[in-house]
C-alpha atoms as a PDB file:
ATOM      1  CA  UNK A   1     108.151 111.351 120.082  1.00  0.00           C
ATOM      2  CA  UNK A   2     104.387 112.615 120.070  1.00  0.00           C
ATOM      3  CA  UNK A   3     105.191 115.531 118.325  1.00  0.00           C
ATOM      4  CA  UNK A   4     107.004 113.653 115.969  1.00  0.00           C
ATOM      5  CA  UNK A   5     103.901 111.840 114.958  1.00  0.00           C
ATOM      6  CA  UNK A   6     101.561 115.058 114.629  1.00  0.00           C
ATOM      7  CA  UNK A   7     103.914 116.455 112.225  1.00  0.00           C
ATOM      8  CA  UNK A   8     104.173 113.263 110.067  1.00  0.00           C
ATOM      9  CA  UNK A   9     100.443 112.238 110.171  1.00  0.00           C
ATOM     10  CA  UNK A  10      99.141 116.152 109.742  1.00  0.00           C
ATOM     11  CA  UNK A  11     101.312 117.896 107.247  1.00  0.00           C
ATOM     12  CA  UNK A  12     101.468 114.997 104.500  1.00  0.00           C
ATOM     13  CA  UNK A  13      97.724 115.568 103.847  1.00  0.00           C
ATOM     14  CA  UNK A  14      97.676 119.170 103.996  1.00  0.00           C
ATOM     15  CA  UNK A  15     100.160 119.761 101.522  1.00  0.00           C
ATOM     16  CA  UNK A  16      99.146 116.377  99.592  1.00  0.00           C
ATOM     17  CA  UNK A  17      95.377 118.263  99.864  1.00  0.00           C
ATOM     18  CA  UNK A  18      97.188 121.695  98.166  1.00  0.00           C
ATOM     19  CA  UNK A  19      98.704 119.584  95.559  1.00  0.00           C
ATOM     20  CA  UNK A  20      95.168 118.741  93.944  1.00  0.00           C
ATOM     21  CA  UNK A  21      93.801 121.583  94.680  1.00  0.00           C
ATOM     22  CA  UNK A  22      96.163 123.579  92.292  1.00  0.00           C
ATOM     23  CA  UNK A  23      96.321 120.739  89.919  1.00  0.00           C
ATOM     24  CA  UNK A  24      92.287 121.417  90.227  1.00  0.00           C
ATOM     25  CA  UNK A  25      92.778 125.217  89.625  1.00  0.00           C
ATOM     26  CA  UNK A  26      95.733 124.544  86.719  1.00  0.00           C
ATOM     27  CA  UNK A  27      92.872 122.637  84.640  1.00  0.00           C
ATOM     28  CA  UNK A  28      91.159 124.537  81.374  1.00  0.00           C
ATOM     29  CA  UNK A  29      87.406 125.690  82.325  1.00  0.00           C
ATOM     30  CA  UNK A  30      84.988 124.023  79.796  1.00  0.00           C
ATOM     31  CA  UNK A  31      82.610 125.056  77.864  1.00  0.00           C
ATOM     32  CA  UNK A  32      79.184 125.857  78.282  1.00  0.00           C
ATOM     33  CA  UNK A  33      77.926 123.102  75.316  1.00  0.00           C
ATOM     34  CA  UNK A  34      78.112 121.022  77.941  1.00  0.00           C
ATOM     35  CA  UNK A  35      74.553 119.401  79.384  1.00  0.00           C
ATOM     36  CA  UNK A  36      73.854 120.363  83.022  1.00  0.00           C
ATOM     37  CA  UNK A  37      71.356 118.433  85.152  1.00  0.00           C
ATOM     38  CA  UNK A  38      69.159 120.431  86.501  1.00  0.00           C
ATOM     39  CA  UNK A  39      68.187 120.877  90.288  1.00  0.00           C
ATOM     40  CA  UNK A  40      64.868 119.000  89.881  1.00  0.00           C
ATOM     41  CA  UNK A  41      65.952 115.714  87.586  1.00  0.00           C
ATOM     42  CA  UNK A  42      65.259 112.781  89.149  1.00  0.00           C
ATOM     43  CA  UNK A  43      68.667 111.828  89.332  1.00  0.00           C
ATOM     44  CA  UNK A  44      69.062 113.904  91.506  1.00  0.00           C
ATOM     45  CA  UNK A  45      66.503 112.978  93.557  1.00  0.00           C
ATOM     46  CA  UNK A  46      67.367 109.763  94.154  1.00  0.00           C
ATOM     47  CA  UNK A  47      70.626 110.396  95.008  1.00  0.00           C
ATOM     48  CA  UNK A  48      69.693 112.581  97.425  1.00  0.00           C
ATOM     49  CA  UNK A  49      67.116 109.874  98.872  1.00  0.00           C
ATOM     50  CA  UNK A  50      69.547 107.081  99.040  1.00  0.00           C
ATOM     51  CA  UNK A  51      72.348 109.510 100.751  1.00  0.00           C
ATOM     52  CA  UNK A  52      69.673 110.180 103.224  1.00  0.00           C
ATOM     53  CA  UNK A  53      68.798 106.535 104.169  1.00  0.00           C
ATOM     54  CA  UNK A  54      72.386 105.317 103.452  1.00  0.00           C
ATOM     55  CA  UNK A  55      73.675 107.992 106.404  1.00  0.00           C
ATOM     56  CA  UNK A  56      70.354 107.271 108.250  1.00  0.00           C
ATOM     57  CA  UNK A  57      70.936 103.968 108.857  1.00  0.00           C
ATOM     58  CA  UNK A  58      75.073 104.151 109.442  1.00  0.00           C
ATOM     59  CA  UNK A  59      73.969 106.043 112.218  1.00  0.00           C
ATOM     60  CA  UNK A  60      70.911 104.272 113.448  1.00  0.00           C
ATOM     61  CA  UNK A  61      71.777 100.604 112.880  1.00  0.00           C
ATOM     62  CA  UNK A  62      74.615 100.216 115.242  1.00  0.00           C
ATOM     63  CA  UNK A  63      72.392 101.207 117.814  1.00  0.00           C
ATOM     64  CA  UNK A  64      69.770  99.051 116.931  1.00  0.00           C
ATOM     65  CA  UNK A  65      72.729  96.054 117.135  1.00  0.00           C
ATOM     66  CA  UNK A  66      73.802  97.078 120.628  1.00  0.00           C
ATOM     67  CA  UNK A  67      71.224  96.657 122.225  1.00  0.00           C
ATOM     68  CA  UNK A  68      70.433  92.927 122.092  1.00  0.00           C
ATOM     69  CA  UNK A  69      74.597  92.113 122.758  1.00  0.00           C
ATOM     70  CA  UNK A  70      74.127  94.598 125.903  1.00  0.00           C
ATOM     71  CA  UNK A  71      70.906  92.911 127.062  1.00  0.00           C
ATOM     72  CA  UNK A  72      72.418  89.572 126.202  1.00  0.00           C
ATOM     73  CA  UNK A  73      75.688  90.804 128.601  1.00  0.00           C
ATOM     74  CA  UNK A  74      73.697  91.836 131.279  1.00  0.00           C
ATOM     75  CA  UNK A  75      71.836  88.702 131.515  1.00  0.00           C
END
């Protein structure tokens, strides 16, 4: 039974990932006339800053919440 669950959980994801990558490979390339964003743009800087703040909050905030809860439970 476990092997069947592993098969159902693993192989469809691999299949769909390969289907998506094949779809991207079949697309036509865009011309070089499109405006490209530079690595020093303000949009990239803001995006990077917001991403770092969100990832830090996701990692740190659960610990801030867990401390008072555990202190309340142990009292």
